[in-house]
Amino acid sequence: MDRLFAREETRALFAGLVSHSSAALSSMMTSAFGVLFGAAAHANGWPVVRGGSQQLVNQLVESLVQRGAASKRGSRWSRWRRPTCLRDG
């Protein structure tokens, strides 16, 4: 495996792919997810948000607000006030 991930750029790319999994980074399932995610991106193209990454943030905030969350624009979130789970399930 070391020869497949010899370059720092390769390790960084794979780390980014596997970090999208909700499993622990040390889990075997996480690496499987990274391989699957990378293969799908190569087969179908790497996803890029139209309008830039700010559009993704805007849509996520809108989705949370529709579910009852409060949105205060122009402020930074330094920490959560209480334990919060943004994942469904």
C-alpha atoms as a PDB file:
ATOM      1  CA  MET A   1       0.000   0.000   0.000  1.00  0.00           C
ATOM      2  CA  ASP A   2       2.834   2.411   0.716  1.00  0.00           C
ATOM      3  CA  ARG A   3       3.725   2.555  -2.969  1.00  0.00           C
ATOM      4  CA  LEU A   4       0.137   3.521  -3.872  1.00  0.00           C
ATOM      5  CA  PHE A   5       0.176   6.382  -1.393  1.00  0.00           C
ATOM      6  CA  ALA A   6       3.821   7.407  -1.698  1.00  0.00           C
ATOM      7  CA  ARG A   7       3.118  11.024  -2.657  1.00  0.00           C
ATOM      8  CA  GLU A   8       1.795  13.477  -0.100  1.00  0.00           C
ATOM      9  CA  GLU A   9      -0.751  14.759  -2.642  1.00  0.00           C
ATOM     10  CA  THR A  10      -2.168  11.249  -3.047  1.00  0.00           C
ATOM     11  CA  ARG A  11      -2.514  10.781   0.703  1.00  0.00           C
ATOM     12  CA  ALA A  12      -4.177  14.193   1.018  1.00  0.00           C
ATOM     13  CA  LEU A  13      -6.668  13.410  -1.757  1.00  0.00           C
ATOM     14  CA  PHE A  14      -7.568  10.055  -0.228  1.00  0.00           C
ATOM     15  CA  ALA A  15      -7.880  11.598   3.242  1.00  0.00           C
ATOM     16  CA  GLY A  16     -10.336  14.110   1.799  1.00  0.00           C
ATOM     17  CA  LEU A  17     -12.374  11.345   0.170  1.00  0.00           C
ATOM     18  CA  VAL A  18     -12.582   9.154   3.266  1.00  0.00           C
ATOM     19  CA  SER A  19     -13.386  12.067   5.563  1.00  0.00           C
ATOM     20  CA  HIS A  20     -16.816  12.304   3.892  1.00  0.00           C
ATOM     21  CA  SER A  21     -17.717   8.994   5.520  1.00  0.00           C
ATOM     22  CA  SER A  22     -19.424   9.108   8.902  1.00  0.00           C
ATOM     23  CA  ALA A  23     -17.398   6.093  10.087  1.00  0.00           C
ATOM     24  CA  ALA A  24     -14.192   6.368  12.102  1.00  0.00           C
ATOM     25  CA  LEU A  25     -11.155   7.113   9.932  1.00  0.00           C
ATOM     26  CA  SER A  26      -9.493   3.931  11.220  1.00  0.00           C
ATOM     27  CA  SER A  27     -12.428   1.767  10.102  1.00  0.00           C
ATOM     28  CA  MET A  28     -12.036  -0.584   7.144  1.00  0.00           C
ATOM     29  CA  MET A  29     -15.394   0.682   5.856  1.00  0.00           C
ATOM     30  CA  THR A  30     -14.012   4.208   5.669  1.00  0.00           C
ATOM     31  CA  SER A  31     -11.271   3.192   3.247  1.00  0.00           C
ATOM     32  CA  ALA A  32     -13.824   1.282   1.144  1.00  0.00           C
ATOM     33  CA  PHE A  33     -15.927   4.438   1.001  1.00  0.00           C
ATOM     34  CA  GLY A  34     -12.882   6.419  -0.155  1.00  0.00           C
ATOM     35  CA  VAL A  35     -12.154   3.960  -2.966  1.00  0.00           C
ATOM     36  CA  LEU A  36     -15.807   3.955  -4.067  1.00  0.00           C
ATOM     37  CA  PHE A  37     -16.072   7.751  -3.881  1.00  0.00           C
ATOM     38  CA  GLY A  38     -12.853   8.205  -5.870  1.00  0.00           C
ATOM     39  CA  ALA A  39     -13.887   5.677  -8.524  1.00  0.00           C
ATOM     40  CA  ALA A  40     -17.280   7.331  -8.939  1.00  0.00           C
ATOM     41  CA  ALA A  41     -15.655  10.744  -9.301  1.00  0.00           C
ATOM     42  CA  HIS A  42     -13.274   9.453 -11.964  1.00  0.00           C
ATOM     43  CA  ALA A  43     -16.097   7.726 -13.846  1.00  0.00           C
ATOM     44  CA  ASN A  44     -18.611  10.588 -13.700  1.00  0.00           C
ATOM     45  CA  GLY A  45     -16.488  13.665 -13.088  1.00  0.00           C
ATOM     46  CA  TRP A  46     -15.532  15.497  -9.945  1.00  0.00           C
ATOM     47  CA  PRO A  47     -18.501  17.403  -8.515  1.00  0.00           C
ATOM     48  CA  VAL A  48     -18.190  21.170  -8.487  1.00  0.00           C
ATOM     49  CA  VAL A  49     -20.897  23.410  -7.071  1.00  0.00           C
ATOM     50  CA  ARG A  50     -22.330  25.872  -9.598  1.00  0.00           C
ATOM     51  CA  GLY A  51     -21.722  29.363  -8.264  1.00  0.00           C
ATOM     52  CA  GLY A  52     -18.877  28.261  -5.996  1.00  0.00           C
ATOM     53  CA  SER A  53     -18.705  26.818  -2.522  1.00  0.00           C
ATOM     54  CA  GLN A  54     -20.677  29.737  -1.069  1.00  0.00           C
ATOM     55  CA  GLN A  55     -23.736  28.378  -2.912  1.00  0.00           C
ATOM     56  CA  LEU A  56     -23.349  25.113  -1.010  1.00  0.00           C
ATOM     57  CA  VAL A  57     -23.207  26.985   2.301  1.00  0.00           C
ATOM     58  CA  ASN A  58     -26.255  29.061   1.326  1.00  0.00           C
ATOM     59  CA  GLN A  59     -28.271  25.943   0.497  1.00  0.00           C
ATOM     60  CA  LEU A  60     -27.244  24.183   3.709  1.00  0.00           C
ATOM     61  CA  VAL A  61     -28.236  27.209   5.803  1.00  0.00           C
ATOM     62  CA  GLU A  62     -31.548  27.489   3.940  1.00  0.00           C
ATOM     63  CA  SER A  63     -32.240  23.809   4.565  1.00  0.00           C
ATOM     64  CA  LEU A  64     -31.517  24.189   8.290  1.00  0.00           C
ATOM     65  CA  VAL A  65     -33.678  27.330   8.553  1.00  0.00           C
ATOM     66  CA  GLN A  66     -36.571  25.481   6.877  1.00  0.00           C
ATOM     67  CA  ARG A  67     -36.251  22.881   9.640  1.00  0.00           C
ATOM     68  CA  GLY A  68     -36.482  25.504  12.378  1.00  0.00           C
ATOM     69  CA  ALA A  69     -32.862  26.553  12.927  1.00  0.00           C
ATOM     70  CA  ALA A  70     -32.017  30.221  13.406  1.00  0.00           C
ATOM     71  CA  SER A  71     -29.593  31.898  11.028  1.00  0.00           C
ATOM     72  CA  LYS A  72     -27.616  34.975  11.966  1.00  0.00           C
ATOM     73  CA  ARG A  73     -25.679  36.243   8.987  1.00  0.00           C
ATOM     74  CA  GLY A  74     -22.380  38.027   9.324  1.00  0.00           C
ATOM     75  CA  SER A  75     -21.337  36.279  12.512  1.00  0.00           C
ATOM     76  CA  ARG A  76     -18.868  33.470  13.113  1.00  0.00           C
ATOM     77  CA  TRP A  77     -19.619  30.281  14.984  1.00  0.00           C
ATOM     78  CA  SER A  78     -16.859  29.699  17.469  1.00  0.00           C
ATOM     79  CA  ARG A  79     -18.538  26.712  19.155  1.00  0.00           C
ATOM     80  CA  TRP A  80     -21.897  25.029  19.642  1.00  0.00           C
ATOM     81  CA  ARG A  81     -23.885  26.075  22.689  1.00  0.00           C
ATOM     82  CA  ARG A  82     -25.083  22.498  23.249  1.00  0.00           C
ATOM     83  CA  PRO A  83     -24.310  19.103  21.708  1.00  0.00           C
ATOM     84  CA  THR A  84     -25.783  19.069  18.219  1.00  0.00           C
ATOM     85  CA  CYS A  85     -26.160  16.332  15.629  1.00  0.00           C
ATOM     86  CA  LEU A  86     -26.558  17.587  12.087  1.00  0.00           C
ATOM     87  CA  ARG A  87     -26.724  14.075  10.686  1.00  0.00           C
ATOM     88  CA  ASP A  88     -30.089  12.453  10.093  1.00  0.00           C
ATOM     89  CA  GLY A  89     -30.318   8.922  11.432  1.00  0.00           C
END
